[in-house]
Amino acid sequence: MHEVTLVADYFVIASASNVIQVQSIADAVEESLAEAGASLPRRIGGAHAHWVVLDYGGLVVHIFTAEERAYYNLERLWGDATLVNRQDYQNVL
């Protein structure tokens, strides 16, 4: 992302089937990154949110319901950024 915005170096965009899954995925990401030593500076999206954003500074994680992901279409908005294969970055943190 650093080629197209100063907001973050990486965006992770994920989908969930419903708001409960959105929350579960967000909680799991927070737990995993906390175990890896990362601290969470900001979480946007409440208990019934269709979209949660976890802002780690250089890494921003977006978790959507499928409908919200299609509506906001961040891939189109940030389409000029380089796509990174997640398998290449399994141990980033």
PDB file of N, CA and C in Angstrom:
ATOM      1  N   MET A   1       0.809  -1.196   0.000  1.00  0.00           N
ATOM      2  CA  MET A   1       0.000   0.000   0.000  1.00  0.00           C
ATOM      3  C   MET A   1       0.851   1.259   0.000  1.00  0.00           C
ATOM      4  N   HIS A   2       2.113   1.150   0.407  1.00  0.00           N
ATOM      5  CA  HIS A   2       2.921   2.354   0.535  1.00  0.00           C
ATOM      6  C   HIS A   2       3.123   3.094  -0.790  1.00  0.00           C
ATOM      7  N   GLU A   3       2.884   2.405  -1.931  1.00  0.00           N
ATOM      8  CA  GLU A   3       3.012   3.095  -3.223  1.00  0.00           C
ATOM      9  C   GLU A   3       1.827   4.016  -3.491  1.00  0.00           C
ATOM     10  N   VAL A   4       0.672   3.742  -2.862  1.00  0.00           N
ATOM     11  CA  VAL A   4      -0.533   4.486  -3.202  1.00  0.00           C
ATOM     12  C   VAL A   4      -1.135   5.286  -2.048  1.00  0.00           C
ATOM     13  N   THR A   5      -0.674   5.052  -0.807  1.00  0.00           N
ATOM     14  CA  THR A   5      -1.236   5.779   0.328  1.00  0.00           C
ATOM     15  C   THR A   5      -0.254   5.815   1.488  1.00  0.00           C
ATOM     16  N   LEU A   6      -0.387   6.812   2.322  1.00  0.00           N
ATOM     17  CA  LEU A   6       0.411   6.892   3.540  1.00  0.00           C
ATOM     18  C   LEU A   6      -0.303   6.231   4.715  1.00  0.00           C
ATOM     19  N   VAL A   7      -1.525   5.753   4.498  1.00  0.00           N
ATOM     20  CA  VAL A   7      -2.355   5.181   5.560  1.00  0.00           C
ATOM     21  C   VAL A   7      -1.707   3.961   6.184  1.00  0.00           C
ATOM     22  N   ALA A   8      -1.163   3.060   5.358  1.00  0.00           N
ATOM     23  CA  ALA A   8      -0.585   1.806   5.871  1.00  0.00           C
ATOM     24  C   ALA A   8       0.309   1.189   4.814  1.00  0.00           C
ATOM     25  N   ASP A   9       1.167   0.276   5.260  1.00  0.00           N
ATOM     26  CA  ASP A   9       1.995  -0.482   4.324  1.00  0.00           C
ATOM     27  C   ASP A   9       1.224  -1.661   3.744  1.00  0.00           C
ATOM     28  N   TYR A  10       0.344  -2.258   4.561  1.00  0.00           N
ATOM     29  CA  TYR A  10      -0.419  -3.434   4.141  1.00  0.00           C
ATOM     30  C   TYR A  10      -1.859  -3.312   4.584  1.00  0.00           C
ATOM     31  N   PHE A  11      -2.776  -3.720   3.705  1.00  0.00           N
ATOM     32  CA  PHE A  11      -4.170  -3.934   4.044  1.00  0.00           C
ATOM     33  C   PHE A  11      -4.428  -5.427   3.940  1.00  0.00           C
ATOM     34  N   VAL A  12      -5.118  -5.974   4.908  1.00  0.00           N
ATOM     35  CA  VAL A  12      -5.638  -7.335   4.822  1.00  0.00           C
ATOM     36  C   VAL A  12      -7.149  -7.188   4.746  1.00  0.00           C
ATOM     37  N   ILE A  13      -7.754  -7.806   3.736  1.00  0.00           N
ATOM     38  CA  ILE A  13      -9.196  -7.700   3.535  1.00  0.00           C
ATOM     39  C   ILE A  13      -9.782  -9.098   3.597  1.00  0.00           C
ATOM     40  N   ALA A  14     -10.717  -9.292   4.536  1.00  0.00           N
ATOM     41  CA  ALA A  14     -11.313 -10.615   4.742  1.00  0.00           C
ATOM     42  C   ALA A  14     -12.831 -10.509   4.769  1.00  0.00           C
ATOM     43  N   SER A  15     -13.483 -11.624   4.430  1.00  0.00           N
ATOM     44  CA  SER A  15     -14.936 -11.693   4.442  1.00  0.00           C
ATOM     45  C   SER A  15     -15.419 -12.703   5.461  1.00  0.00           C
ATOM     46  N   ALA A  16     -16.644 -12.464   5.954  1.00  0.00           N
ATOM     47  CA  ALA A  16     -17.300 -13.384   6.880  1.00  0.00           C
ATOM     48  C   ALA A  16     -18.759 -13.517   6.456  1.00  0.00           C
ATOM     49  N   SER A  17     -19.375 -14.607   6.869  1.00  0.00           N
ATOM     50  CA  SER A  17     -20.767 -14.862   6.479  1.00  0.00           C
ATOM     51  C   SER A  17     -21.780 -14.018   7.241  1.00  0.00           C
ATOM     52  N   ASN A  18     -21.436 -13.606   8.466  1.00  0.00           N
ATOM     53  CA  ASN A  18     -22.376 -12.849   9.290  1.00  0.00           C
ATOM     54  C   ASN A  18     -21.604 -12.044  10.328  1.00  0.00           C
ATOM     55  N   VAL A  19     -22.313 -11.216  11.105  1.00  0.00           N
ATOM     56  CA  VAL A  19     -21.647 -10.331  12.067  1.00  0.00           C
ATOM     57  C   VAL A  19     -20.959 -11.106  13.187  1.00  0.00           C
ATOM     58  N   ILE A  20     -21.486 -12.258  13.546  1.00  0.00           N
ATOM     59  CA  ILE A  20     -20.830 -13.071  14.581  1.00  0.00           C
ATOM     60  C   ILE A  20     -19.462 -13.539  14.087  1.00  0.00           C
ATOM     61  N   GLN A  21     -19.385 -13.954  12.837  1.00  0.00           N
ATOM     62  CA  GLN A  21     -18.100 -14.360  12.275  1.00  0.00           C
ATOM     63  C   GLN A  21     -17.146 -13.184  12.136  1.00  0.00           C
ATOM     64  N   VAL A  22     -17.682 -12.009  11.797  1.00  0.00           N
ATOM     65  CA  VAL A  22     -16.827 -10.813  11.722  1.00  0.00           C
ATOM     66  C   VAL A  22     -16.139 -10.601  13.061  1.00  0.00           C
ATOM     67  N   GLN A  23     -16.919 -10.649  14.139  1.00  0.00           N
ATOM     68  CA  GLN A  23     -16.365 -10.456  15.477  1.00  0.00           C
ATOM     69  C   GLN A  23     -15.380 -11.564  15.851  1.00  0.00           C
ATOM     70  N   SER A  24     -15.713 -12.800  15.519  1.00  0.00           N
ATOM     71  CA  SER A  24     -14.830 -13.931  15.838  1.00  0.00           C
ATOM     72  C   SER A  24     -13.497 -13.826  15.117  1.00  0.00           C
ATOM     73  N   ILE A  25     -13.542 -13.451  13.848  1.00  0.00           N
ATOM     74  CA  ILE A  25     -12.299 -13.284  13.083  1.00  0.00           C
ATOM     75  C   ILE A  25     -11.480 -12.141  13.674  1.00  0.00           C
ATOM     76  N   ALA A  26     -12.132 -11.025  13.983  1.00  0.00           N
ATOM     77  CA  ALA A  26     -11.421  -9.883  14.567  1.00  0.00           C
ATOM     78  C   ALA A  26     -10.776 -10.272  15.892  1.00  0.00           C
ATOM     79  N   ASP A  27     -11.509 -10.981  16.736  1.00  0.00           N
ATOM     80  CA  ASP A  27     -10.958 -11.424  18.019  1.00  0.00           C
ATOM     81  C   ASP A  27      -9.765 -12.347  17.821  1.00  0.00           C
ATOM     82  N   ALA A  28      -9.864 -13.268  16.851  1.00  0.00           N
ATOM     83  CA  ALA A  28      -8.769 -14.210  16.588  1.00  0.00           C
ATOM     84  C   ALA A  28      -7.533 -13.482  16.064  1.00  0.00           C
ATOM     85  N   VAL A  29      -7.729 -12.491  15.211  1.00  0.00           N
ATOM     86  CA  VAL A  29      -6.599 -11.704  14.704  1.00  0.00           C
ATOM     87  C   VAL A  29      -5.936 -10.963  15.857  1.00  0.00           C
ATOM     88  N   GLU A  30      -6.738 -10.332  16.698  1.00  0.00           N
ATOM     89  CA  GLU A  30      -6.183  -9.614  17.850  1.00  0.00           C
ATOM     90  C   GLU A  30      -5.383 -10.545  18.748  1.00  0.00           C
ATOM     91  N   GLU A  31      -5.938 -11.712  19.062  1.00  0.00           N
ATOM     92  CA  GLU A  31      -5.250 -12.669  19.928  1.00  0.00           C
ATOM     93  C   GLU A  31      -3.935 -13.137  19.312  1.00  0.00           C
ATOM     94  N   SER A  32      -3.973 -13.491  18.035  1.00  0.00           N
ATOM     95  CA  SER A  32      -2.765 -13.984  17.366  1.00  0.00           C
ATOM     96  C   SER A  32      -1.675 -12.924  17.313  1.00  0.00           C
ATOM     97  N   LEU A  33      -2.053 -11.708  16.967  1.00  0.00           N
ATOM     98  CA  LEU A  33      -1.052 -10.652  16.878  1.00  0.00           C
ATOM     99  C   LEU A  33      -0.560 -10.230  18.251  1.00  0.00           C
ATOM    100  N   ALA A  34      -1.416 -10.297  19.266  1.00  0.00           N
ATOM    101  CA  ALA A  34      -0.964 -10.011  20.633  1.00  0.00           C
ATOM    102  C   ALA A  34       0.062 -11.044  21.076  1.00  0.00           C
ATOM    103  N   GLU A  35      -0.173 -12.319  20.750  1.00  0.00           N
ATOM    104  CA  GLU A  35       0.789 -13.376  21.076  1.00  0.00           C
ATOM    105  C   GLU A  35       2.118 -13.155  20.360  1.00  0.00           C
ATOM    106  N   ALA A  36       2.050 -12.528  19.173  1.00  0.00           N
ATOM    107  CA  ALA A  36       3.265 -12.242  18.402  1.00  0.00           C
ATOM    108  C   ALA A  36       3.946 -10.955  18.867  1.00  0.00           C
ATOM    109  N   GLY A  37       3.328 -10.268  19.839  1.00  0.00           N
ATOM    110  CA  GLY A  37       3.947  -9.071  20.390  1.00  0.00           C
ATOM    111  C   GLY A  37       3.407  -7.759  19.874  1.00  0.00           C
ATOM    112  N   ALA A  38       2.394  -7.794  19.016  1.00  0.00           N
ATOM    113  CA  ALA A  38       1.818  -6.557  18.491  1.00  0.00           C
ATOM    114  C   ALA A  38       0.774  -6.022  19.466  1.00  0.00           C
ATOM    115  N   SER A  39       0.701  -4.711  19.545  1.00  0.00           N
ATOM    116  CA  SER A  39      -0.346  -4.100  20.359  1.00  0.00           C
ATOM    117  C   SER A  39      -1.376  -3.475  19.426  1.00  0.00           C
ATOM    118  N   LEU A  40      -2.613  -3.431  19.852  1.00  0.00           N
ATOM    119  CA  LEU A  40      -3.691  -2.903  19.025  1.00  0.00           C
ATOM    120  C   LEU A  40      -3.941  -1.445  19.369  1.00  0.00           C
ATOM    121  N   PRO A  41      -3.536  -0.529  18.504  1.00  0.00           N
ATOM    122  CA  PRO A  41      -3.772   0.872  18.810  1.00  0.00           C
ATOM    123  C   PRO A  41      -5.234   1.294  18.622  1.00  0.00           C
ATOM    124  N   ARG A  42      -5.974   0.647  17.685  1.00  0.00           N
ATOM    125  CA  ARG A  42      -7.352   1.077  17.449  1.00  0.00           C
ATOM    126  C   ARG A  42      -8.165  -0.041  16.813  1.00  0.00           C
ATOM    127  N   ARG A  43      -9.400  -0.210  17.328  1.00  0.00           N
ATOM    128  CA  ARG A  43     -10.369  -1.139  16.752  1.00  0.00           C
ATOM    129  C   ARG A  43     -11.636  -0.353  16.474  1.00  0.00           C
ATOM    130  N   ILE A  44     -12.090  -0.405  15.242  1.00  0.00           N
ATOM    131  CA  ILE A  44     -13.295   0.313  14.839  1.00  0.00           C
ATOM    132  C   ILE A  44     -14.342  -0.728  14.450  1.00  0.00           C
ATOM    133  N   GLY A  45     -15.509  -0.634  15.037  1.00  0.00           N
ATOM    134  CA  GLY A  45     -16.593  -1.576  14.770  1.00  0.00           C
ATOM    135  C   GLY A  45     -17.000  -2.256  16.056  1.00  0.00           C
ATOM    136  N   GLY A  46     -18.262  -2.151  16.381  1.00  0.00           N
ATOM    137  CA  GLY A  46     -18.758  -2.698  17.637  1.00  0.00           C
ATOM    138  C   GLY A  46     -19.206  -4.142  17.533  1.00  0.00           C
ATOM    139  N   ALA A  47     -19.932  -4.570  18.555  1.00  0.00           N
ATOM    140  CA  ALA A  47     -20.339  -5.963  18.681  1.00  0.00           C
ATOM    141  C   ALA A  47     -21.266  -6.433  17.560  1.00  0.00           C
ATOM    142  N   HIS A  48     -21.999  -5.531  16.941  1.00  0.00           N
ATOM    143  CA  HIS A  48     -22.935  -5.921  15.877  1.00  0.00           C
ATOM    144  C   HIS A  48     -22.536  -5.323  14.532  1.00  0.00           C
ATOM    145  N   ALA A  49     -21.267  -5.011  14.393  1.00  0.00           N
ATOM    146  CA  ALA A  49     -20.783  -4.348  13.175  1.00  0.00           C
ATOM    147  C   ALA A  49     -20.681  -5.329  12.016  1.00  0.00           C
ATOM    148  N   HIS A  50     -20.963  -4.826  10.837  1.00  0.00           N
ATOM    149  CA  HIS A  50     -20.808  -5.602   9.609  1.00  0.00           C
ATOM    150  C   HIS A  50     -19.412  -5.419   9.023  1.00  0.00           C
ATOM    151  N   TRP A  51     -18.621  -4.530   9.662  1.00  0.00           N
ATOM    152  CA  TRP A  51     -17.263  -4.247   9.201  1.00  0.00           C
ATOM    153  C   TRP A  51     -16.446  -3.850  10.418  1.00  0.00           C
ATOM    154  N   VAL A  52     -15.352  -4.547  10.636  1.00  0.00           N
ATOM    155  CA  VAL A  52     -14.434  -4.222  11.725  1.00  0.00           C
ATOM    156  C   VAL A  52     -13.087  -3.881  11.116  1.00  0.00           C
ATOM    157  N   VAL A  53     -12.474  -2.827  11.625  1.00  0.00           N
ATOM    158  CA  VAL A  53     -11.137  -2.429  11.194  1.00  0.00           C
ATOM    159  C   VAL A  53     -10.211  -2.542  12.403  1.00  0.00           C
ATOM    160  N   LEU A  54      -9.115  -3.266  12.220  1.00  0.00           N
ATOM    161  CA  LEU A  54      -8.067  -3.375  13.232  1.00  0.00           C
ATOM    162  C   LEU A  54      -6.870  -2.620  12.689  1.00  0.00           C
ATOM    163  N   ASP A  55      -6.518  -1.524  13.343  1.00  0.00           N
ATOM    164  CA  ASP A  55      -5.466  -0.633  12.852  1.00  0.00           C
ATOM    165  C   ASP A  55      -4.204  -0.830  13.680  1.00  0.00           C
ATOM    166  N   TYR A  56      -3.215  -1.469  13.071  1.00  0.00           N
ATOM    167  CA  TYR A  56      -1.928  -1.705  13.719  1.00  0.00           C
ATOM    168  C   TYR A  56      -0.865  -0.735  13.206  1.00  0.00           C
ATOM    169  N   GLY A  57      -1.275   0.366  12.639  1.00  0.00           N
ATOM    170  CA  GLY A  57      -0.315   1.313  12.089  1.00  0.00           C
ATOM    171  C   GLY A  57       0.024   0.934  10.659  1.00  0.00           C
ATOM    172  N   GLY A  58       1.112   0.224  10.467  1.00  0.00           N
ATOM    173  CA  GLY A  58       1.527  -0.191   9.136  1.00  0.00           C
ATOM    174  C   GLY A  58       0.678  -1.299   8.545  1.00  0.00           C
ATOM    175  N   LEU A  59      -0.090  -1.966   9.374  1.00  0.00           N
ATOM    176  CA  LEU A  59      -0.971  -3.051   8.947  1.00  0.00           C
ATOM    177  C   LEU A  59      -2.395  -2.713   9.368  1.00  0.00           C
ATOM    178  N   VAL A  60      -3.316  -2.701   8.404  1.00  0.00           N
ATOM    179  CA  VAL A  60      -4.724  -2.454   8.694  1.00  0.00           C
ATOM    180  C   VAL A  60      -5.513  -3.656   8.209  1.00  0.00           C
ATOM    181  N   VAL A  61      -6.282  -4.254   9.123  1.00  0.00           N
ATOM    182  CA  VAL A  61      -7.074  -5.447   8.810  1.00  0.00           C
ATOM    183  C   VAL A  61      -8.537  -5.032   8.716  1.00  0.00           C
ATOM    184  N   HIS A  62      -9.153  -5.312   7.565  1.00  0.00           N
ATOM    185  CA  HIS A  62     -10.572  -5.037   7.335  1.00  0.00           C
ATOM    186  C   HIS A  62     -11.294  -6.375   7.297  1.00  0.00           C
ATOM    187  N   ILE A  63     -12.328  -6.527   8.114  1.00  0.00           N
ATOM    188  CA  ILE A  63     -13.120  -7.756   8.125  1.00  0.00           C
ATOM    189  C   ILE A  63     -14.568  -7.354   7.874  1.00  0.00           C
ATOM    190  N   PHE A  64     -15.145  -7.866   6.790  1.00  0.00           N
ATOM    191  CA  PHE A  64     -16.470  -7.481   6.333  1.00  0.00           C
ATOM    192  C   PHE A  64     -17.421  -8.671   6.303  1.00  0.00           C
ATOM    193  N   THR A  65     -18.730  -8.379   6.384  1.00  0.00           N
ATOM    194  CA  THR A  65     -19.684  -9.356   5.882  1.00  0.00           C
ATOM    195  C   THR A  65     -19.572  -9.283   4.358  1.00  0.00           C
ATOM    196  N   ALA A  66     -20.016 -10.320   3.678  1.00  0.00           N
ATOM    197  CA  ALA A  66     -19.887 -10.369   2.214  1.00  0.00           C
ATOM    198  C   ALA A  66     -20.587  -9.181   1.545  1.00  0.00           C
ATOM    199  N   GLU A  67     -21.754  -8.808   2.070  1.00  0.00           N
ATOM    200  CA  GLU A  67     -22.505  -7.692   1.473  1.00  0.00           C
ATOM    201  C   GLU A  67     -21.745  -6.372   1.623  1.00  0.00           C
ATOM    202  N   GLU A  68     -21.189  -6.137   2.795  1.00  0.00           N
ATOM    203  CA  GLU A  68     -20.431  -4.903   3.030  1.00  0.00           C
ATOM    204  C   GLU A  68     -19.165  -4.871   2.185  1.00  0.00           C
ATOM    205  N   ARG A  69     -18.501  -6.016   2.062  1.00  0.00           N
ATOM    206  CA  ARG A  69     -17.285  -6.058   1.244  1.00  0.00           C
ATOM    207  C   ARG A  69     -17.595  -5.717  -0.203  1.00  0.00           C
ATOM    208  N   ALA A  70     -18.687  -6.256  -0.718  1.00  0.00           N
ATOM    209  CA  ALA A  70     -19.075  -5.958  -2.102  1.00  0.00           C
ATOM    210  C   ALA A  70     -19.446  -4.480  -2.253  1.00  0.00           C
ATOM    211  N   TYR A  71     -20.126  -3.929  -1.259  1.00  0.00           N
ATOM    212  CA  TYR A  71     -20.550  -2.533  -1.316  1.00  0.00           C
ATOM    213  C   TYR A  71     -19.351  -1.582  -1.318  1.00  0.00           C
ATOM    214  N   TYR A  72     -18.424  -1.778  -0.388  1.00  0.00           N
ATOM    215  CA  TYR A  72     -17.281  -0.866  -0.269  1.00  0.00           C
ATOM    216  C   TYR A  72     -16.187  -1.152  -1.288  1.00  0.00           C
ATOM    217  N   ASN A  73     -16.051  -2.386  -1.701  1.00  0.00           N
ATOM    218  CA  ASN A  73     -15.140  -2.782  -2.782  1.00  0.00           C
ATOM    219  C   ASN A  73     -13.758  -2.126  -2.663  1.00  0.00           C
ATOM    220  N   LEU A  74     -13.104  -2.353  -1.532  1.00  0.00           N
ATOM    221  CA  LEU A  74     -11.780  -1.756  -1.304  1.00  0.00           C
ATOM    222  C   LEU A  74     -10.753  -2.192  -2.339  1.00  0.00           C
ATOM    223  N   GLU A  75     -10.937  -3.375  -2.885  1.00  0.00           N
ATOM    224  CA  GLU A  75     -10.004  -3.832  -3.915  1.00  0.00           C
ATOM    225  C   GLU A  75     -10.022  -2.898  -5.124  1.00  0.00           C
ATOM    226  N   ARG A  76     -11.185  -2.368  -5.468  1.00  0.00           N
ATOM    227  CA  ARG A  76     -11.277  -1.413  -6.572  1.00  0.00           C
ATOM    228  C   ARG A  76     -10.691  -0.066  -6.160  1.00  0.00           C
ATOM    229  N   LEU A  77     -11.032   0.360  -4.953  1.00  0.00           N
ATOM    230  CA  LEU A  77     -10.568   1.653  -4.458  1.00  0.00           C
ATOM    231  C   LEU A  77      -9.044   1.724  -4.382  1.00  0.00           C
ATOM    232  N   TRP A  78      -8.415   0.643  -3.906  1.00  0.00           N
ATOM    233  CA  TRP A  78      -6.965   0.598  -3.747  1.00  0.00           C
ATOM    234  C   TRP A  78      -6.324  -0.318  -4.787  1.00  0.00           C
ATOM    235  N   GLY A  79      -6.944  -0.439  -5.942  1.00  0.00           N
ATOM    236  CA  GLY A  79      -6.512  -1.369  -6.983  1.00  0.00           C
ATOM    237  C   GLY A  79      -5.121  -1.129  -7.544  1.00  0.00           C
ATOM    238  N   ASP A  80      -4.561   0.050  -7.351  1.00  0.00           N
ATOM    239  CA  ASP A  80      -3.218   0.324  -7.860  1.00  0.00           C
ATOM    240  C   ASP A  80      -2.124  -0.231  -6.955  1.00  0.00           C
ATOM    241  N   ALA A  81      -2.489  -0.694  -5.775  1.00  0.00           N
ATOM    242  CA  ALA A  81      -1.498  -1.250  -4.845  1.00  0.00           C
ATOM    243  C   ALA A  81      -1.061  -2.637  -5.314  1.00  0.00           C
ATOM    244  N   THR A  82       0.127  -3.021  -4.913  1.00  0.00           N
ATOM    245  CA  THR A  82       0.656  -4.344  -5.252  1.00  0.00           C
ATOM    246  C   THR A  82      -0.055  -5.400  -4.428  1.00  0.00           C
ATOM    247  N   LEU A  83      -0.537  -6.450  -5.078  1.00  0.00           N
ATOM    248  CA  LEU A  83      -1.176  -7.563  -4.390  1.00  0.00           C
ATOM    249  C   LEU A  83      -0.096  -8.494  -3.858  1.00  0.00           C
ATOM    250  N   VAL A  84      -0.192  -8.839  -2.575  1.00  0.00           N
ATOM    251  CA  VAL A  84       0.799  -9.689  -1.929  1.00  0.00           C
ATOM    252  C   VAL A  84       0.147 -11.016  -1.572  1.00  0.00           C
ATOM    253  N   ASN A  85       0.776 -12.097  -1.933  1.00  0.00           N
ATOM    254  CA  ASN A  85       0.284 -13.429  -1.604  1.00  0.00           C
ATOM    255  C   ASN A  85       0.537 -13.690  -0.128  1.00  0.00           C
ATOM    256  N   ARG A  86      -0.500 -14.033   0.623  1.00  0.00           N
ATOM    257  CA  ARG A  86      -0.360 -14.202   2.069  1.00  0.00           C
ATOM    258  C   ARG A  86       0.628 -15.305   2.442  1.00  0.00           C
ATOM    259  N   GLN A  87       0.776 -16.330   1.631  1.00  0.00           N
ATOM    260  CA  GLN A  87       1.723 -17.406   1.941  1.00  0.00           C
ATOM    261  C   GLN A  87       3.160 -16.894   1.965  1.00  0.00           C
ATOM    262  N   ASP A  88       3.434 -15.828   1.266  1.00  0.00           N
ATOM    263  CA  ASP A  88       4.771 -15.252   1.241  1.00  0.00           C
ATOM    264  C   ASP A  88       5.101 -14.522   2.543  1.00  0.00           C
ATOM    265  N   TYR A  89       4.075 -14.231   3.343  1.00  0.00           N
ATOM    266  CA  TYR A  89       4.269 -13.447   4.558  1.00  0.00           C
ATOM    267  C   TYR A  89       3.681 -14.115   5.787  1.00  0.00           C
ATOM    268  N   GLN A  90       3.802 -15.415   5.883  1.00  0.00           N
ATOM    269  CA  GLN A  90       3.270 -16.167   7.019  1.00  0.00           C
ATOM    270  C   GLN A  90       3.872 -15.712   8.350  1.00  0.00           C
ATOM    271  N   ASN A  91       5.124 -15.327   8.370  1.00  0.00           N
ATOM    272  CA  ASN A  91       5.808 -15.003   9.626  1.00  0.00           C
ATOM    273  C   ASN A  91       6.252 -13.546   9.686  1.00  0.00           C
ATOM    274  N   VAL A  92       5.415 -12.631   9.192  1.00  0.00           N
ATOM    275  CA  VAL A  92       5.793 -11.219   9.166  1.00  0.00           C
ATOM    276  C   VAL A  92       5.953 -10.669  10.583  1.00  0.00           C
ATOM    277  N   LEU A  93       5.001 -10.947  11.463  1.00  0.00           N
ATOM    278  CA  LEU A  93       5.072 -10.404  12.828  1.00  0.00           C
ATOM    279  C   LEU A  93       5.693 -11.389  13.774  1.00  0.00           C
TER     280      LEU A  93
END
